[in-house]
């Protein structure tokens, strides 16, 4: 079935990573990333990404500054994850699992 242009194919079933974590990882990878690019990377709609960014900002995990038409996001790395099962784990600990550092990325580039 062909989807509408710009709307990612829906995913069915469960996943290990939440959409909030995926969006946060995309921002950690590039603090100046555009919502359109986050949506493409995470296979979400732009509207869903906007809602997730709003959630993350509202709860203090993320903030942004605007320079012209560009947003620069700032993640709060020491903020603790929300779920009681992850009590004591920081955003930085989560992102260390989800985002390759520059040296690893240079050794193992991701194919487009």
PDB file of N, CA and C in Angstrom:
ATOM      1  N   UNK A   1       0.845  -1.183   0.000  1.00  0.00           N
ATOM      2  CA  UNK A   1       0.000   0.000   0.000  1.00  0.00           C
ATOM      3  C   UNK A   1       0.886   1.241   0.000  1.00  0.00           C
ATOM      4  N   UNK A   2       0.612   2.177  -0.880  1.00  0.00           N
ATOM      5  CA  UNK A   2       1.402   3.396  -0.964  1.00  0.00           C
ATOM      6  C   UNK A   2       0.884   4.420   0.031  1.00  0.00           C
ATOM      7  N   UNK A   3       1.816   5.042   0.774  1.00  0.00           N
ATOM      8  CA  UNK A   3       1.423   6.062   1.734  1.00  0.00           C
ATOM      9  C   UNK A   3       1.427   7.431   1.086  1.00  0.00           C
ATOM     10  N   UNK A   4       0.859   8.406   1.766  1.00  0.00           N
ATOM     11  CA  UNK A   4       0.886   9.785   1.284  1.00  0.00           C
ATOM     12  C   UNK A   4       2.320  10.296   1.328  1.00  0.00           C
ATOM     13  N   UNK A   5       2.642  11.211   0.446  1.00  0.00           N
ATOM     14  CA  UNK A   5       3.985  11.789   0.415  1.00  0.00           C
ATOM     15  C   UNK A   5       4.246  12.497   1.746  1.00  0.00           C
ATOM     16  N   UNK A   6       5.408  12.236   2.344  1.00  0.00           N
ATOM     17  CA  UNK A   6       5.779  12.906   3.587  1.00  0.00           C
ATOM     18  C   UNK A   6       5.254  12.233   4.841  1.00  0.00           C
ATOM     19  N   UNK A   7       4.361  11.254   4.682  1.00  0.00           N
ATOM     20  CA  UNK A   7       3.833  10.542   5.840  1.00  0.00           C
ATOM     21  C   UNK A   7       4.493   9.171   5.887  1.00  0.00           C
ATOM     22  N   UNK A   8       5.232   8.897   6.962  1.00  0.00           N
ATOM     23  CA  UNK A   8       5.938   7.624   7.022  1.00  0.00           C
ATOM     24  C   UNK A   8       4.980   6.441   7.105  1.00  0.00           C
ATOM     25  N   UNK A   9       5.459   5.305   6.650  1.00  0.00           N
ATOM     26  CA  UNK A   9       4.691   4.080   6.756  1.00  0.00           C
ATOM     27  C   UNK A   9       4.470   3.766   8.228  1.00  0.00           C
ATOM     28  N   UNK A  10       3.250   3.443   8.626  1.00  0.00           N
ATOM     29  CA  UNK A  10       3.014   3.163  10.045  1.00  0.00           C
ATOM     30  C   UNK A  10       3.715   1.877  10.475  1.00  0.00           C
ATOM     31  N   UNK A  11       4.061   1.820  11.728  1.00  0.00           N
ATOM     32  CA  UNK A  11       4.693   0.629  12.288  1.00  0.00           C
ATOM     33  C   UNK A  11       3.668  -0.069  13.167  1.00  0.00           C
ATOM     34  N   UNK A  12       3.604  -1.378  13.057  1.00  0.00           N
ATOM     35  CA  UNK A  12       2.696  -2.119  13.928  1.00  0.00           C
ATOM     36  C   UNK A  12       3.524  -2.978  14.872  1.00  0.00           C
ATOM     37  N   UNK A  13       2.962  -3.269  16.001  1.00  0.00           N
ATOM     38  CA  UNK A  13       3.677  -4.067  16.990  1.00  0.00           C
ATOM     39  C   UNK A  13       4.458  -3.186  17.952  1.00  0.00           C
ATOM     40  N   UNK A  14       5.137  -3.827  18.851  1.00  0.00           N
ATOM     41  CA  UNK A  14       5.856  -3.093  19.892  1.00  0.00           C
ATOM     42  C   UNK A  14       7.296  -2.850  19.468  1.00  0.00           C
ATOM     43  N   UNK A  15       7.922  -1.871  20.140  1.00  0.00           N
ATOM     44  CA  UNK A  15       9.334  -1.559  19.876  1.00  0.00           C
ATOM     45  C   UNK A  15      10.052  -1.387  21.210  1.00  0.00           C
ATOM     46  N   UNK A  16      11.377  -1.469  21.182  1.00  0.00           N
ATOM     47  CA  UNK A  16      12.164  -1.294  22.397  1.00  0.00           C
ATOM     48  C   UNK A  16      12.308   0.179  22.780  1.00  0.00           C
ATOM     49  N   UNK A  17      12.330   1.055  21.811  1.00  0.00           N
ATOM     50  CA  UNK A  17      12.616   2.470  22.042  1.00  0.00           C
ATOM     51  C   UNK A  17      11.349   3.291  21.808  1.00  0.00           C
ATOM     52  N   UNK A  18      11.066   4.228  22.690  1.00  0.00           N
ATOM     53  CA  UNK A  18       9.896   5.090  22.505  1.00  0.00           C
ATOM     54  C   UNK A  18      10.193   6.168  21.468  1.00  0.00           C
ATOM     55  N   UNK A  19       9.142   6.752  20.928  1.00  0.00           N
ATOM     56  CA  UNK A  19       9.316   7.861  19.987  1.00  0.00           C
ATOM     57  C   UNK A  19       9.967   9.059  20.672  1.00  0.00           C
ATOM     58  N   UNK A  20       9.684   9.275  21.946  1.00  0.00           N
ATOM     59  CA  UNK A  20      10.315  10.380  22.678  1.00  0.00           C
ATOM     60  C   UNK A  20      11.834  10.177  22.732  1.00  0.00           C
ATOM     61  N   UNK A  21      12.268   8.944  22.984  1.00  0.00           N
ATOM     62  CA  UNK A  21      13.707   8.657  23.026  1.00  0.00           C
ATOM     63  C   UNK A  21      14.326   8.817  21.647  1.00  0.00           C
ATOM     64  N   UNK A  22      13.610   8.397  20.600  1.00  0.00           N
ATOM     65  CA  UNK A  22      14.128   8.550  19.233  1.00  0.00           C
ATOM     66  C   UNK A  22      14.327  10.018  18.882  1.00  0.00           C
ATOM     67  N   UNK A  23      13.344  10.853  19.208  1.00  0.00           N
ATOM     68  CA  UNK A  23      13.445  12.292  18.917  1.00  0.00           C
ATOM     69  C   UNK A  23      14.594  12.903  19.704  1.00  0.00           C
ATOM     70  N   UNK A  24      14.715  12.549  20.969  1.00  0.00           N
ATOM     71  CA  UNK A  24      15.803  13.071  21.797  1.00  0.00           C
ATOM     72  C   UNK A  24      17.162  12.667  21.230  1.00  0.00           C
ATOM     73  N   UNK A  25      17.281  11.428  20.752  1.00  0.00           N
ATOM     74  CA  UNK A  25      18.538  10.962  20.159  1.00  0.00           C
ATOM     75  C   UNK A  25      18.859  11.728  18.882  1.00  0.00           C
ATOM     76  N   UNK A  26      17.854  12.017  18.072  1.00  0.00           N
ATOM     77  CA  UNK A  26      18.075  12.786  16.841  1.00  0.00           C
ATOM     78  C   UNK A  26      18.580  14.185  17.166  1.00  0.00           C
ATOM     79  N   UNK A  27      18.027  14.783  18.220  1.00  0.00           N
ATOM     80  CA  UNK A  27      18.456  16.115  18.641  1.00  0.00           C
ATOM     81  C   UNK A  27      19.859  16.060  19.243  1.00  0.00           C
ATOM     82  N   UNK A  28      20.153  15.008  19.996  1.00  0.00           N
ATOM     83  CA  UNK A  28      21.491  14.855  20.576  1.00  0.00           C
ATOM     84  C   UNK A  28      22.529  14.735  19.470  1.00  0.00           C
ATOM     85  N   UNK A  29      22.146  14.100  18.387  1.00  0.00           N
ATOM     86  CA  UNK A  29      23.036  13.911  17.251  1.00  0.00           C
ATOM     87  C   UNK A  29      23.306  15.224  16.523  1.00  0.00           C
ATOM     88  N   UNK A  30      22.323  16.135  16.512  1.00  0.00           N
ATOM     89  CA  UNK A  30      22.461  17.424  15.843  1.00  0.00           C
ATOM     90  C   UNK A  30      21.523  18.431  16.505  1.00  0.00           C
ATOM     91  N   UNK A  31      22.047  19.300  17.380  1.00  0.00           N
ATOM     92  CA  UNK A  31      21.197  20.251  18.114  1.00  0.00           C
ATOM     93  C   UNK A  31      20.486  21.272  17.224  1.00  0.00           C
ATOM     94  N   UNK A  32      20.889  21.385  15.956  1.00  0.00           N
ATOM     95  CA  UNK A  32      20.240  22.324  15.033  1.00  0.00           C
ATOM     96  C   UNK A  32      19.343  21.616  14.013  1.00  0.00           C
ATOM     97  N   UNK A  33      19.043  20.360  14.259  1.00  0.00           N
ATOM     98  CA  UNK A  33      18.259  19.561  13.317  1.00  0.00           C
ATOM     99  C   UNK A  33      16.867  20.156  13.124  1.00  0.00           C
ATOM    100  N   UNK A  34      16.356  20.056  11.905  1.00  0.00           N
ATOM    101  CA  UNK A  34      15.007  20.555  11.607  1.00  0.00           C
ATOM    102  C   UNK A  34      13.977  19.495  11.945  1.00  0.00           C
ATOM    103  N   UNK A  35      12.785  19.946  12.316  1.00  0.00           N
ATOM    104  CA  UNK A  35      11.685  19.034  12.647  1.00  0.00           C
ATOM    105  C   UNK A  35      11.429  18.086  11.485  1.00  0.00           C
ATOM    106  N   UNK A  36      11.493  18.592  10.270  1.00  0.00           N
ATOM    107  CA  UNK A  36      11.287  17.770   9.074  1.00  0.00           C
ATOM    108  C   UNK A  36      12.286  16.614   9.039  1.00  0.00           C
ATOM    109  N   UNK A  37      13.542  16.903   9.393  1.00  0.00           N
ATOM    110  CA  UNK A  37      14.576  15.872   9.356  1.00  0.00           C
ATOM    111  C   UNK A  37      14.436  14.875  10.508  1.00  0.00           C
ATOM    112  N   UNK A  38      13.994  15.371  11.669  1.00  0.00           N
ATOM    113  CA  UNK A  38      13.716  14.459  12.794  1.00  0.00           C
ATOM    114  C   UNK A  38      12.597  13.500  12.390  1.00  0.00           C
ATOM    115  N   UNK A  39      11.547  14.046  11.787  1.00  0.00           N
ATOM    116  CA  UNK A  39      10.402  13.230  11.371  1.00  0.00           C
ATOM    117  C   UNK A  39      10.840  12.134  10.396  1.00  0.00           C
ATOM    118  N   UNK A  40      11.675  12.494   9.431  1.00  0.00           N
ATOM    119  CA  UNK A  40      12.139  11.508   8.446  1.00  0.00           C
ATOM    120  C   UNK A  40      12.991  10.441   9.126  1.00  0.00           C
ATOM    121  N   UNK A  41      13.904  10.865   9.988  1.00  0.00           N
ATOM    122  CA  UNK A  41      14.799   9.917  10.661  1.00  0.00           C
ATOM    123  C   UNK A  41      14.031   8.956  11.572  1.00  0.00           C
ATOM    124  N   UNK A  42      13.048   9.504  12.287  1.00  0.00           N
ATOM    125  CA  UNK A  42      12.308   8.706  13.272  1.00  0.00           C
ATOM    126  C   UNK A  42      11.069   8.035  12.684  1.00  0.00           C
ATOM    127  N   UNK A  43      10.808   8.300  11.398  1.00  0.00           N
ATOM    128  CA  UNK A  43       9.624   7.760  10.729  1.00  0.00           C
ATOM    129  C   UNK A  43       8.337   8.160  11.446  1.00  0.00           C
ATOM    130  N   UNK A  44       8.261   9.460  11.734  1.00  0.00           N
ATOM    131  CA  UNK A  44       7.090  10.055  12.371  1.00  0.00           C
ATOM    132  C   UNK A  44       6.597  11.207  11.506  1.00  0.00           C
ATOM    133  N   UNK A  45       5.402  11.686  11.777  1.00  0.00           N
ATOM    134  CA  UNK A  45       4.938  12.894  11.105  1.00  0.00           C
ATOM    135  C   UNK A  45       5.564  14.117  11.786  1.00  0.00           C
ATOM    136  N   UNK A  46       5.632  15.226  11.066  1.00  0.00           N
ATOM    137  CA  UNK A  46       6.167  16.453  11.662  1.00  0.00           C
ATOM    138  C   UNK A  46       5.319  16.878  12.861  1.00  0.00           C
ATOM    139  N   UNK A  47       4.024  16.689  12.749  1.00  0.00           N
ATOM    140  CA  UNK A  47       3.124  17.055  13.850  1.00  0.00           C
ATOM    141  C   UNK A  47       3.435  16.233  15.111  1.00  0.00           C
ATOM    142  N   UNK A  48       3.691  14.940  14.937  1.00  0.00           N
ATOM    143  CA  UNK A  48       4.035  14.084  16.082  1.00  0.00           C
ATOM    144  C   UNK A  48       5.343  14.551  16.711  1.00  0.00           C
ATOM    145  N   UNK A  49       6.324  14.908  15.887  1.00  0.00           N
ATOM    146  CA  UNK A  49       7.605  15.390  16.406  1.00  0.00           C
ATOM    147  C   UNK A  49       7.401  16.690  17.185  1.00  0.00           C
ATOM    148  N   UNK A  50       6.559  17.587  16.672  1.00  0.00           N
ATOM    149  CA  UNK A  50       6.281  18.838  17.390  1.00  0.00           C
ATOM    150  C   UNK A  50       5.669  18.555  18.758  1.00  0.00           C
ATOM    151  N   UNK A  51       4.746  17.599  18.824  1.00  0.00           N
ATOM    152  CA  UNK A  51       4.119  17.247  20.111  1.00  0.00           C
ATOM    153  C   UNK A  51       5.155  16.662  21.074  1.00  0.00           C
ATOM    154  N   UNK A  52       6.024  15.813  20.571  1.00  0.00           N
ATOM    155  CA  UNK A  52       7.044  15.185  21.417  1.00  0.00           C
ATOM    156  C   UNK A  52       8.016  16.240  21.942  1.00  0.00           C
ATOM    157  N   UNK A  53       8.458  17.151  21.077  1.00  0.00           N
ATOM    158  CA  UNK A  53       9.350  18.235  21.506  1.00  0.00           C
ATOM    159  C   UNK A  53       8.668  19.078  22.569  1.00  0.00           C
ATOM    160  N   UNK A  54       7.387  19.353  22.381  1.00  0.00           N
ATOM    161  CA  UNK A  54       6.624  20.116  23.371  1.00  0.00           C
ATOM    162  C   UNK A  54       6.581  19.373  24.712  1.00  0.00           C
ATOM    163  N   UNK A  55       6.333  18.067  24.681  1.00  0.00           N
ATOM    164  CA  UNK A  55       6.338  17.254  25.911  1.00  0.00           C
ATOM    165  C   UNK A  55       7.693  17.359  26.611  1.00  0.00           C
ATOM    166  N   UNK A  56       8.770  17.173  25.842  1.00  0.00           N
ATOM    167  CA  UNK A  56      10.120  17.180  26.409  1.00  0.00           C
ATOM    168  C   UNK A  56      10.476  18.546  26.996  1.00  0.00           C
ATOM    169  N   UNK A  57      10.037  19.608  26.330  1.00  0.00           N
ATOM    170  CA  UNK A  57      10.306  20.956  26.847  1.00  0.00           C
ATOM    171  C   UNK A  57       9.479  21.240  28.098  1.00  0.00           C
ATOM    172  N   UNK A  58       8.222  20.836  28.066  1.00  0.00           N
ATOM    173  CA  UNK A  58       7.319  21.078  29.196  1.00  0.00           C
ATOM    174  C   UNK A  58       7.839  20.430  30.479  1.00  0.00           C
ATOM    175  N   UNK A  59       8.461  19.268  30.354  1.00  0.00           N
ATOM    176  CA  UNK A  59       8.958  18.557  31.527  1.00  0.00           C
ATOM    177  C   UNK A  59      10.436  18.814  31.811  1.00  0.00           C
ATOM    178  N   UNK A  60      11.038  19.764  31.080  1.00  0.00           N
ATOM    179  CA  UNK A  60      12.391  20.206  31.403  1.00  0.00           C
ATOM    180  C   UNK A  60      13.528  19.346  30.870  1.00  0.00           C
ATOM    181  N   UNK A  61      13.244  18.453  29.926  1.00  0.00           N
ATOM    182  CA  UNK A  61      14.289  17.618  29.343  1.00  0.00           C
ATOM    183  C   UNK A  61      14.997  18.320  28.185  1.00  0.00           C
ATOM    184  N   UNK A  62      14.352  19.345  27.649  1.00  0.00           N
ATOM    185  CA  UNK A  62      14.815  19.983  26.432  1.00  0.00           C
ATOM    186  C   UNK A  62      14.418  21.452  26.464  1.00  0.00           C
ATOM    187  N   UNK A  63      15.255  22.301  25.888  1.00  0.00           N
ATOM    188  CA  UNK A  63      14.889  23.702  25.677  1.00  0.00           C
ATOM    189  C   UNK A  63      15.438  24.103  24.319  1.00  0.00           C
ATOM    190  N   UNK A  64      15.005  25.255  23.816  1.00  0.00           N
ATOM    191  CA  UNK A  64      15.537  25.698  22.535  1.00  0.00           C
ATOM    192  C   UNK A  64      15.665  27.211  22.498  1.00  0.00           C
ATOM    193  N   UNK A  65      16.578  27.658  21.673  1.00  0.00           N
ATOM    194  CA  UNK A  65      16.697  29.077  21.370  1.00  0.00           C
ATOM    195  C   UNK A  65      16.488  29.211  19.868  1.00  0.00           C
ATOM    196  N   UNK A  66      15.954  30.338  19.474  1.00  0.00           N
ATOM    197  CA  UNK A  66      15.645  30.566  18.067  1.00  0.00           C
ATOM    198  C   UNK A  66      16.609  31.609  17.514  1.00  0.00           C
ATOM    199  N   UNK A  67      17.204  31.302  16.364  1.00  0.00           N
ATOM    200  CA  UNK A  67      18.070  32.241  15.666  1.00  0.00           C
ATOM    201  C   UNK A  67      17.567  32.324  14.235  1.00  0.00           C
ATOM    202  N   UNK A  68      16.790  33.366  13.955  1.00  0.00           N
ATOM    203  CA  UNK A  68      16.147  33.459  12.643  1.00  0.00           C
ATOM    204  C   UNK A  68      15.134  32.346  12.505  1.00  0.00           C
ATOM    205  N   UNK A  69      15.324  31.504  11.504  1.00  0.00           N
ATOM    206  CA  UNK A  69      14.395  30.389  11.284  1.00  0.00           C
ATOM    207  C   UNK A  69      14.936  29.073  11.849  1.00  0.00           C
ATOM    208  N   UNK A  70      16.075  29.135  12.535  1.00  0.00           N
ATOM    209  CA  UNK A  70      16.722  27.924  13.040  1.00  0.00           C
ATOM    210  C   UNK A  70      16.547  27.801  14.547  1.00  0.00           C
ATOM    211  N   UNK A  71      16.173  26.615  14.985  1.00  0.00           N
ATOM    212  CA  UNK A  71      16.142  26.308  16.419  1.00  0.00           C
ATOM    213  C   UNK A  71      17.436  25.604  16.795  1.00  0.00           C
ATOM    214  N   UNK A  72      17.968  25.981  17.942  1.00  0.00           N
ATOM    215  CA  UNK A  72      19.085  25.237  18.521  1.00  0.00           C
ATOM    216  C   UNK A  72      18.568  24.648  19.827  1.00  0.00           C
ATOM    217  N   UNK A  73      18.592  23.318  19.901  1.00  0.00           N
ATOM    218  CA  UNK A  73      18.049  22.628  21.067  1.00  0.00           C
ATOM    219  C   UNK A  73      19.144  22.370  22.079  1.00  0.00           C
ATOM    220  N   UNK A  74      18.749  22.367  23.350  1.00  0.00           N
ATOM    221  CA  UNK A  74      19.670  22.034  24.438  1.00  0.00           C
ATOM    222  C   UNK A  74      19.011  20.976  25.304  1.00  0.00           C
ATOM    223  N   UNK A  75      19.679  19.840  25.410  1.00  0.00           N
ATOM    224  CA  UNK A  75      19.190  18.727  26.226  1.00  0.00           C
ATOM    225  C   UNK A  75      19.752  18.881  27.629  1.00  0.00           C
ATOM    226  N   UNK A  76      18.947  18.574  28.623  1.00  0.00           N
ATOM    227  CA  UNK A  76      19.392  18.587  30.023  1.00  0.00           C
ATOM    228  C   UNK A  76      19.918  17.189  30.359  1.00  0.00           C
ATOM    229  N   UNK A  77      21.238  16.965  30.245  1.00  0.00           N
ATOM    230  CA  UNK A  77      21.783  15.610  30.362  1.00  0.00           C
ATOM    231  C   UNK A  77      21.661  14.997  31.758  1.00  0.00           C
ATOM    232  N   UNK A  78      21.561  15.831  32.805  1.00  0.00           N
ATOM    233  CA  UNK A  78      21.514  15.299  34.166  1.00  0.00           C
ATOM    234  C   UNK A  78      20.094  15.017  34.655  1.00  0.00           C
ATOM    235  N   UNK A  79      19.105  15.399  33.866  1.00  0.00           N
ATOM    236  CA  UNK A  79      17.715  15.164  34.250  1.00  0.00           C
ATOM    237  C   UNK A  79      17.473  13.652  34.302  1.00  0.00           C
ATOM    238  N   UNK A  80      16.761  13.210  35.316  1.00  0.00           N
ATOM    239  CA  UNK A  80      16.518  11.782  35.542  1.00  0.00           C
ATOM    240  C   UNK A  80      15.303  11.336  34.723  1.00  0.00           C
ATOM    241  N   UNK A  81      15.359  10.107  34.224  1.00  0.00           N
ATOM    242  CA  UNK A  81      14.256   9.559  33.435  1.00  0.00           C
ATOM    243  C   UNK A  81      12.990   9.450  34.283  1.00  0.00           C
ATOM    244  N   UNK A  82      11.851   9.474  33.620  1.00  0.00           N
ATOM    245  CA  UNK A  82      10.556   9.597  34.300  1.00  0.00           C
ATOM    246  C   UNK A  82      10.043   8.340  34.975  1.00  0.00           C
ATOM    247  N   UNK A  83      10.229   7.187  34.365  1.00  0.00           N
ATOM    248  CA  UNK A  83       9.599   5.968  34.871  1.00  0.00           C
ATOM    249  C   UNK A  83      10.295   5.478  36.138  1.00  0.00           C
ATOM    250  N   UNK A  84       9.524   5.048  37.149  1.00  0.00           N
ATOM    251  CA  UNK A  84      10.129   4.574  38.401  1.00  0.00           C
ATOM    252  C   UNK A  84      11.134   3.430  38.209  1.00  0.00           C
ATOM    253  N   UNK A  85      10.947   2.613  37.178  1.00  0.00           N
ATOM    254  CA  UNK A  85      11.876   1.503  36.936  1.00  0.00           C
ATOM    255  C   UNK A  85      13.261   1.998  36.518  1.00  0.00           C
ATOM    256  N   UNK A  86      13.318   3.232  36.000  1.00  0.00           N
ATOM    257  CA  UNK A  86      14.614   3.817  35.615  1.00  0.00           C
ATOM    258  C   UNK A  86      15.064   4.868  36.613  1.00  0.00           C
ATOM    259  N   UNK A  87      14.542   4.831  37.814  1.00  0.00           N
ATOM    260  CA  UNK A  87      14.883   5.833  38.827  1.00  0.00           C
ATOM    261  C   UNK A  87      16.394   5.929  38.961  1.00  0.00           C
ATOM    262  N   UNK A  88      16.909   7.131  38.876  1.00  0.00           N
ATOM    263  CA  UNK A  88      18.338   7.348  39.029  1.00  0.00           C
ATOM    264  C   UNK A  88      19.097   7.373  37.712  1.00  0.00           C
ATOM    265  N   UNK A  89      18.508   6.872  36.632  1.00  0.00           N
ATOM    266  CA  UNK A  89      19.177   6.925  35.325  1.00  0.00           C
ATOM    267  C   UNK A  89      18.962   8.302  34.698  1.00  0.00           C
ATOM    268  N   UNK A  90      20.036   8.873  34.168  1.00  0.00           N
ATOM    269  CA  UNK A  90      19.948  10.203  33.570  1.00  0.00           C
ATOM    270  C   UNK A  90      19.704  10.125  32.072  1.00  0.00           C
ATOM    271  N   UNK A  91      19.309  11.262  31.512  1.00  0.00           N
ATOM    272  CA  UNK A  91      19.154  11.391  30.068  1.00  0.00           C
ATOM    273  C   UNK A  91      20.484  11.062  29.389  1.00  0.00           C
ATOM    274  N   UNK A  92      21.594  11.519  29.959  1.00  0.00           N
ATOM    275  CA  UNK A  92      22.909  11.243  29.378  1.00  0.00           C
ATOM    276  C   UNK A  92      23.167   9.739  29.275  1.00  0.00           C
ATOM    277  N   UNK A  93      22.760   8.971  30.293  1.00  0.00           N
ATOM    278  CA  UNK A  93      22.948   7.516  30.269  1.00  0.00           C
ATOM    279  C   UNK A  93      22.126   6.892  29.142  1.00  0.00           C
ATOM    280  N   UNK A  94      20.907   7.348  28.969  1.00  0.00           N
ATOM    281  CA  UNK A  94      20.061   6.845  27.882  1.00  0.00           C
ATOM    282  C   UNK A  94      20.682   7.178  26.534  1.00  0.00           C
ATOM    283  N   UNK A  95      21.090   8.422  26.370  1.00  0.00           N
ATOM    284  CA  UNK A  95      21.637   8.852  25.080  1.00  0.00           C
ATOM    285  C   UNK A  95      22.944   8.145  24.752  1.00  0.00           C
ATOM    286  N   UNK A  96      23.697   7.758  25.770  1.00  0.00           N
ATOM    287  CA  UNK A  96      24.950   7.043  25.505  1.00  0.00           C
ATOM    288  C   UNK A  96      24.679   5.706  24.813  1.00  0.00           C
ATOM    289  N   UNK A  97      23.487   5.154  25.011  1.00  0.00           N
ATOM    290  CA  UNK A  97      23.107   3.910  24.355  1.00  0.00           C
ATOM    291  C   UNK A  97      22.565   4.143  22.943  1.00  0.00           C
ATOM    292  N   UNK A  98      21.982   5.316  22.719  1.00  0.00           N
ATOM    293  CA  UNK A  98      21.266   5.574  21.471  1.00  0.00           C
ATOM    294  C   UNK A  98      22.054   6.353  20.434  1.00  0.00           C
ATOM    295  N   UNK A  99      23.066   7.096  20.852  1.00  0.00           N
ATOM    296  CA  UNK A  99      23.782   7.979  19.935  1.00  0.00           C
ATOM    297  C   UNK A  99      25.245   7.554  19.883  1.00  0.00           C
ATOM    298  N   UNK A 100      25.720   7.254  18.687  1.00  0.00           N
ATOM    299  CA  UNK A 100      27.134   6.922  18.525  1.00  0.00           C
ATOM    300  C   UNK A 100      27.957   8.181  18.715  1.00  0.00           C
ATOM    301  N   UNK A 101      29.104   8.068  19.369  1.00  0.00           N
ATOM    302  CA  UNK A 101      29.957   9.246  19.453  1.00  0.00           C
ATOM    303  C   UNK A 101      30.695   9.418  18.127  1.00  0.00           C
ATOM    304  N   UNK A 102      31.335  10.573  17.963  1.00  0.00           N
ATOM    305  CA  UNK A 102      31.961  10.923  16.689  1.00  0.00           C
ATOM    306  C   UNK A 102      32.999   9.898  16.236  1.00  0.00           C
ATOM    307  N   UNK A 103      33.785   9.348  17.149  1.00  0.00           N
ATOM    308  CA  UNK A 103      34.829   8.402  16.744  1.00  0.00           C
ATOM    309  C   UNK A 103      34.205   7.118  16.216  1.00  0.00           C
ATOM    310  N   UNK A 104      33.139   6.644  16.862  1.00  0.00           N
ATOM    311  CA  UNK A 104      32.454   5.450  16.376  1.00  0.00           C
ATOM    312  C   UNK A 104      31.789   5.704  15.029  1.00  0.00           C
ATOM    313  N   UNK A 105      31.215   6.878  14.856  1.00  0.00           N
ATOM    314  CA  UNK A 105      30.531   7.200  13.614  1.00  0.00           C
ATOM    315  C   UNK A 105      31.532   7.247  12.459  1.00  0.00           C
ATOM    316  N   UNK A 106      32.731   7.748  12.713  1.00  0.00           N
ATOM    317  CA  UNK A 106      33.760   7.819  11.674  1.00  0.00           C
ATOM    318  C   UNK A 106      34.182   6.407  11.244  1.00  0.00           C
ATOM    319  N   UNK A 107      34.249   5.488  12.224  1.00  0.00           N
ATOM    320  CA  UNK A 107      34.650   4.118  11.917  1.00  0.00           C
ATOM    321  C   UNK A 107      33.527   3.325  11.246  1.00  0.00           C
ATOM    322  N   UNK A 108      32.298   3.620  11.632  1.00  0.00           N
ATOM    323  CA  UNK A 108      31.144   2.862  11.139  1.00  0.00           C
ATOM    324  C   UNK A 108      30.087   3.805  10.574  1.00  0.00           C
ATOM    325  N   UNK A 109      30.325   4.422   9.436  1.00  0.00           N
ATOM    326  CA  UNK A 109      29.330   5.358   8.902  1.00  0.00           C
ATOM    327  C   UNK A 109      28.028   4.633   8.562  1.00  0.00           C
ATOM    328  N   UNK A 110      26.924   5.319   8.800  1.00  0.00           N
ATOM    329  CA  UNK A 110      25.602   4.758   8.516  1.00  0.00           C
ATOM    330  C   UNK A 110      25.296   5.018   7.051  1.00  0.00           C
ATOM    331  N   UNK A 111      24.871   3.996   6.357  1.00  0.00           N
ATOM    332  CA  UNK A 111      24.521   4.157   4.944  1.00  0.00           C
ATOM    333  C   UNK A 111      23.259   4.995   4.826  1.00  0.00           C
ATOM    334  N   UNK A 112      23.181   5.873   3.828  1.00  0.00           N
ATOM    335  CA  UNK A 112      21.973   6.715   3.669  1.00  0.00           C
ATOM    336  C   UNK A 112      20.753   5.924   3.298  1.00  0.00           C
TER     337      UNK A 112
END
